[in-house]
Amino acid sequence: MAIPKFVADLREHVGNAPLWLSGVTAVITNEEATEVLLVKRADNGHWTPVTGIIDPDEEPANAAIREAIEEAGVMCEPTRILSIGTVGPVTYPNGDVSSYLDISVHMRYVSGTPRPIDGENSEVRWFPIDALPDMNERFKHTISLALADPQPTLFSFDQDAAEAAAEIPDL
């Protein structure tokens, strides 16, 4: 996986210490929402939706569009936010540790021939929604949100933390 320049610059100062980064997960469906476009990661062979780190000052929807172009060679447009939550901490083989605020977005395919572009993936394929490959539960759940009717937006929260915050006296 390519490390964005701004992350590499930060790593020069903080080493492997935990970083808090923002990311996107783009669930790309065809017009009829009968198929989902997935990428097979080159580093571990897992099938996933398109994912990536949001660059500084980049709008999340623009990051999802950019990642779809860079990773899968397709143009798509955002239709709605699916979920907002955290991922991690993730420890990478080089020892770097990161946690992510992930904004998952439903994207409608517009054009382009799906294919690996940037070397992060070895395959890009359309899968019927009823015949998805094996993947982790987070991605399965995010895809189900894209296909749900009614269309909820999921916000993860810790009930205990929310109740503790409610006990803070007025300042």
Protein backbone atom coordinates (compact mmCIF):
# COMPACT_ATOMS: atom_id res chain seq x y z
CA MET A 1 0.00 0.00 0.00
CA ALA A 2 1.41 3.38 -0.97
CA ILE A 3 1.93 5.77 1.94
CA PRO A 4 0.64 9.28 1.18
CA LYS A 5 3.40 11.93 1.29
CA PHE A 6 1.81 13.80 4.18
CA VAL A 7 1.79 10.58 6.26
CA ALA A 8 5.43 9.85 5.36
CA ASP A 9 6.30 13.42 6.42
CA LEU A 10 4.51 12.93 9.75
CA ARG A 11 6.29 9.61 10.28
CA GLU A 12 9.66 11.43 10.04
CA HIS A 13 8.65 13.26 13.22
CA VAL A 14 6.67 10.65 15.17
CA GLY A 15 8.26 7.40 14.01
CA ASN A 16 5.95 4.43 14.53
CA ALA A 17 3.81 6.20 17.15
CA PRO A 18 0.04 5.96 16.69
CA LEU A 19 -1.47 8.34 14.14
CA TRP A 20 -5.13 9.30 13.87
CA LEU A 21 -6.04 9.51 10.17
CA SER A 22 -9.24 9.93 8.19
CA GLY A 23 -10.22 7.45 5.51
CA VAL A 24 -12.98 6.50 3.11
CA THR A 25 -14.58 3.23 2.10
CA ALA A 26 -16.30 3.48 -1.29
CA VAL A 27 -19.03 0.89 -1.90
CA ILE A 28 -19.47 1.12 -5.67
CA THR A 29 -22.57 -0.41 -7.22
CA ASN A 30 -23.85 -0.56 -10.77
CA GLU A 31 -26.88 1.51 -11.78
CA GLU A 32 -29.35 -1.20 -10.72
CA ALA A 33 -27.43 -1.93 -7.47
CA THR A 34 -27.32 -5.61 -8.42
CA GLU A 35 -23.51 -5.78 -8.43
CA VAL A 36 -20.72 -4.41 -6.24
CA LEU A 37 -17.25 -3.52 -7.50
CA LEU A 38 -14.53 -5.00 -5.29
CA VAL A 39 -10.74 -4.95 -5.33
CA LYS A 40 -8.39 -7.77 -4.33
CA ARG A 41 -5.61 -6.31 -2.20
CA ALA A 42 -2.10 -7.09 -3.43
CA ASP A 43 -0.66 -7.18 0.11
CA ASN A 44 -2.95 -9.81 1.66
CA GLY A 45 -5.21 -11.17 -1.12
CA HIS A 46 -8.42 -10.02 0.61
CA TRP A 47 -11.42 -8.71 -1.34
CA THR A 48 -12.61 -5.28 -0.16
CA PRO A 49 -14.48 -2.24 -1.38
CA VAL A 50 -12.20 0.59 -2.55
CA THR A 51 -10.59 2.24 0.49
CA GLY A 52 -8.09 5.00 1.09
CA ILE A 53 -6.76 7.84 3.19
CA ILE A 54 -8.29 11.29 2.84
CA ASP A 55 -5.64 13.89 1.95
CA PRO A 56 -5.39 17.13 3.96
CA ASP A 57 -8.13 19.60 2.93
CA GLU A 58 -9.79 16.97 0.69
CA GLU A 59 -13.54 16.49 0.87
CA PRO A 60 -14.43 12.87 1.77
CA ALA A 61 -16.59 12.41 -1.35
CA ASN A 62 -13.74 13.67 -3.53
CA ALA A 63 -11.38 11.24 -1.79
CA ALA A 64 -13.77 8.37 -2.58
CA ILE A 65 -13.90 9.43 -6.25
CA ARG A 66 -10.09 9.78 -6.39
CA GLU A 67 -9.55 6.38 -4.77
CA ALA A 68 -11.99 4.71 -7.21
CA ILE A 69 -10.03 6.17 -10.13
CA GLU A 70 -6.60 5.38 -8.64
CA GLU A 71 -7.37 1.87 -7.43
CA ALA A 72 -10.00 0.57 -9.84
CA GLY A 73 -9.89 2.75 -12.97
CA VAL A 74 -13.54 3.79 -12.71
CA MET A 75 -15.41 7.05 -12.38
CA CYS A 76 -18.28 7.06 -9.93
CA GLU A 77 -20.41 9.56 -8.08
CA PRO A 78 -21.35 9.62 -4.40
CA THR A 79 -24.99 9.04 -3.52
CA ARG A 80 -24.94 9.04 0.30
CA ILE A 81 -22.96 8.45 3.46
CA LEU A 82 -23.40 4.90 4.75
CA SER A 83 -21.57 4.99 8.06
CA ILE A 84 -19.07 6.85 10.16
CA GLY A 85 -16.94 4.90 12.60
CA THR A 86 -13.46 4.00 13.72
CA VAL A 87 -11.07 1.34 12.48
CA GLY A 88 -8.02 0.23 14.38
CA PRO A 89 -5.57 0.53 15.77
CA VAL A 90 -3.81 -1.15 12.85
CA THR A 91 -0.16 -2.16 13.17
CA TYR A 92 1.59 -2.42 9.81
CA PRO A 93 4.51 -4.77 9.05
CA ASN A 94 7.00 -1.88 9.40
CA GLY A 95 5.70 -1.17 12.93
CA ASP A 96 3.66 1.93 12.08
CA VAL A 97 0.42 2.20 14.07
CA SER A 98 -2.64 4.06 12.82
CA SER A 99 -6.30 4.38 13.72
CA TYR A 100 -8.85 5.72 11.26
CA LEU A 101 -12.03 7.71 11.28
CA ASP A 102 -13.72 5.91 8.37
CA ILE A 103 -16.46 7.54 6.32
CA SER A 104 -18.15 4.90 4.19
CA VAL A 105 -19.87 6.23 1.07
CA HIS A 106 -22.24 4.60 -1.41
CA MET A 107 -21.01 5.35 -4.94
CA ARG A 108 -22.82 4.85 -8.25
CA TYR A 109 -20.64 3.62 -11.12
CA VAL A 110 -20.51 6.10 -14.01
CA SER A 111 -17.82 4.91 -16.47
CA GLY A 112 -14.49 3.21 -16.98
CA THR A 113 -13.15 -0.30 -17.39
CA PRO A 114 -12.46 -1.80 -13.96
CA ARG A 115 -8.79 -2.79 -13.62
CA PRO A 116 -5.96 -2.48 -11.09
CA ILE A 117 -4.24 0.88 -11.59
CA ASP A 118 -1.84 1.81 -8.78
CA GLY A 119 -0.40 -1.56 -7.73
CA GLU A 120 -2.33 -1.70 -4.45
CA ASN A 121 -4.67 -4.34 -5.91
CA SER A 122 -4.16 -7.43 -8.04
CA GLU A 123 -7.76 -7.69 -9.34
CA VAL A 124 -10.88 -5.57 -9.74
CA ARG A 125 -14.21 -7.31 -10.39
CA TRP A 126 -17.95 -6.88 -10.28
CA PHE A 127 -19.72 -9.34 -7.97
CA PRO A 128 -23.47 -10.03 -7.87
CA ILE A 129 -24.78 -8.89 -4.49
CA ASP A 130 -25.93 -12.44 -3.73
CA ALA A 131 -22.51 -13.96 -4.55
CA LEU A 132 -19.92 -11.83 -2.76
CA PRO A 133 -16.51 -13.33 -2.02
CA ASP A 134 -15.34 -14.00 1.52
CA MET A 135 -14.48 -10.74 3.30
CA ASN A 136 -14.38 -9.33 6.80
CA GLU A 137 -17.58 -8.54 8.69
CA ARG A 138 -17.04 -4.76 8.61
CA PHE A 139 -17.05 -4.71 4.82
CA LYS A 140 -20.00 -7.12 4.57
CA HIS A 141 -21.97 -4.85 6.89
CA THR A 142 -21.01 -1.69 4.97
CA ILE A 143 -22.11 -3.27 1.69
CA SER A 144 -25.41 -4.29 3.29
CA LEU A 145 -25.97 -0.66 4.31
CA ALA A 146 -25.48 0.41 0.67
CA LEU A 147 -28.17 -2.05 -0.42
CA ALA A 148 -30.59 -1.46 2.49
CA ASP A 149 -34.10 -0.11 2.11
CA PRO A 150 -34.82 2.12 3.95
CA GLN A 151 -31.35 3.56 3.70
CA PRO A 152 -29.96 4.19 7.18
CA THR A 153 -26.73 5.96 8.08
CA LEU A 154 -24.92 4.10 10.83
CA PHE A 155 -23.14 6.00 13.59
CA SER A 156 -21.18 3.82 15.99
CA PHE A 157 -21.00 5.02 19.57
CA ASP A 158 -20.03 3.79 23.00
CA GLN A 159 -23.08 4.02 25.29
CA ASP A 160 -20.93 4.13 28.46
CA ALA A 161 -18.83 7.01 27.09
CA ALA A 162 -21.96 8.91 26.05
CA GLU A 163 -23.46 8.50 29.53
CA ALA A 164 -20.18 9.56 31.17
CA ALA A 165 -20.08 12.69 28.99
CA ALA A 166 -23.62 13.52 30.09
CA GLU A 167 -22.37 13.65 33.71
CA ILE A 168 -19.88 16.45 33.04
CA PRO A 169 -21.09 19.57 34.85
CA ASP A 170 -21.78 22.77 32.94
CA LEU A 171 -18.72 24.97 32.65
